[in-house]
Amino acid sequence: MAPAHPHLMTGQNADQVTTPDLAPGTHVVVRCKFDGRWSHEFEVAGREPDGYRVRGISDRLELPAVFPIDDVRPVV
């Protein structure tokens, strides 16, 4: 199991945390599809049936993918 990420709700292992419905503008960490690490400095841009659209906090650019619900976690 991967170690808990310090910015996740509850401090549990990221794979065991249930994500609540996240509103646009909520600051989040996003799991990278390539290496499984959690990336910082994102916020929810919108909700889709199969996940979340996210954008960078600093550049405000939306990423061109929808992230599965389990790959997005709110920052505490």
Protein backbone atom coordinates (compact mmCIF):
# COMPACT_ATOMS: atom_id res chain seq x y z
CA MET A 1 0.00 0.00 0.00
CA ALA A 2 1.13 3.52 -0.72
CA PRO A 3 1.80 5.81 2.24
CA ALA A 4 -0.84 8.33 3.20
CA HIS A 5 -0.56 11.72 1.55
CA PRO A 6 -0.19 14.51 4.13
CA HIS A 7 -2.86 16.71 2.50
CA LEU A 8 -5.65 14.17 2.29
CA MET A 9 -8.79 14.23 4.40
CA THR A 10 -8.57 11.95 7.45
CA GLY A 11 -4.87 11.07 6.93
CA GLN A 12 -5.76 7.52 5.85
CA ASN A 13 -4.23 5.70 2.92
CA ALA A 14 -5.38 7.52 -0.23
CA ASP A 15 -6.90 4.35 -1.66
CA GLN A 16 -9.16 3.96 1.38
CA VAL A 17 -10.55 7.50 1.55
CA THR A 18 -14.06 8.09 0.23
CA THR A 19 -14.28 11.32 -1.73
CA PRO A 20 -17.33 13.46 -1.04
CA ASP A 21 -19.01 15.31 -3.91
CA LEU A 22 -16.56 18.15 -4.63
CA ALA A 23 -17.82 21.59 -5.67
CA PRO A 24 -16.10 23.67 -8.37
CA GLY A 25 -13.26 25.67 -6.84
CA THR A 26 -12.40 23.02 -4.22
CA HIS A 27 -8.62 22.65 -3.90
CA VAL A 28 -7.60 19.06 -4.62
CA VAL A 29 -4.70 16.69 -5.19
CA VAL A 30 -4.87 14.52 -8.30
CA ARG A 31 -3.41 11.04 -8.81
CA CYS A 32 -1.03 10.90 -11.77
CA LYS A 33 -2.01 8.21 -14.29
CA PHE A 34 1.63 7.43 -15.06
CA ASP A 35 3.24 6.82 -11.68
CA GLY A 36 0.38 6.86 -9.16
CA ARG A 37 1.77 9.85 -7.24
CA TRP A 38 -0.45 12.66 -6.01
CA SER A 39 0.00 16.07 -7.69
CA HIS A 40 -0.74 19.34 -5.88
CA GLU A 41 -2.03 22.77 -6.83
CA PHE A 42 -5.27 21.87 -8.59
CA GLU A 43 -8.91 22.76 -8.10
CA VAL A 44 -12.15 21.26 -9.33
CA ALA A 45 -13.33 22.88 -12.57
CA GLY A 46 -16.47 20.78 -12.92
CA ARG A 47 -18.16 17.42 -12.41
CA GLU A 48 -18.87 14.87 -15.13
CA PRO A 49 -20.74 11.56 -14.79
CA ASP A 50 -17.43 9.66 -14.81
CA GLY A 51 -15.29 12.01 -12.71
CA TYR A 52 -13.94 15.54 -12.31
CA ARG A 53 -12.42 18.14 -14.61
CA VAL A 54 -9.57 19.98 -12.87
CA ARG A 55 -7.49 23.09 -13.52
CA GLY A 56 -4.22 24.42 -12.20
CA ILE A 57 -4.53 26.92 -9.38
CA SER A 58 -1.70 29.17 -10.56
CA ASP A 59 -2.30 29.18 -14.34
CA ARG A 60 -6.09 28.53 -14.28
CA LEU A 61 -5.70 26.13 -17.24
CA GLU A 62 -8.08 23.18 -17.32
CA LEU A 63 -6.45 19.81 -17.96
CA PRO A 64 -7.72 18.04 -21.11
CA ALA A 65 -8.95 14.94 -19.27
CA VAL A 66 -11.65 13.86 -16.86
CA PHE A 67 -10.15 12.32 -13.72
CA PRO A 68 -11.97 9.38 -12.15
CA ILE A 69 -13.60 10.14 -8.81
CA ASP A 70 -11.11 7.92 -6.96
CA ASP A 71 -8.18 9.91 -8.41
CA VAL A 72 -9.22 13.28 -6.92
CA ARG A 73 -8.96 14.12 -3.21
CA PRO A 74 -9.75 17.37 -1.36
CA VAL A 75 -6.91 19.23 0.35
CA VAL A 76 -7.44 19.73 4.08
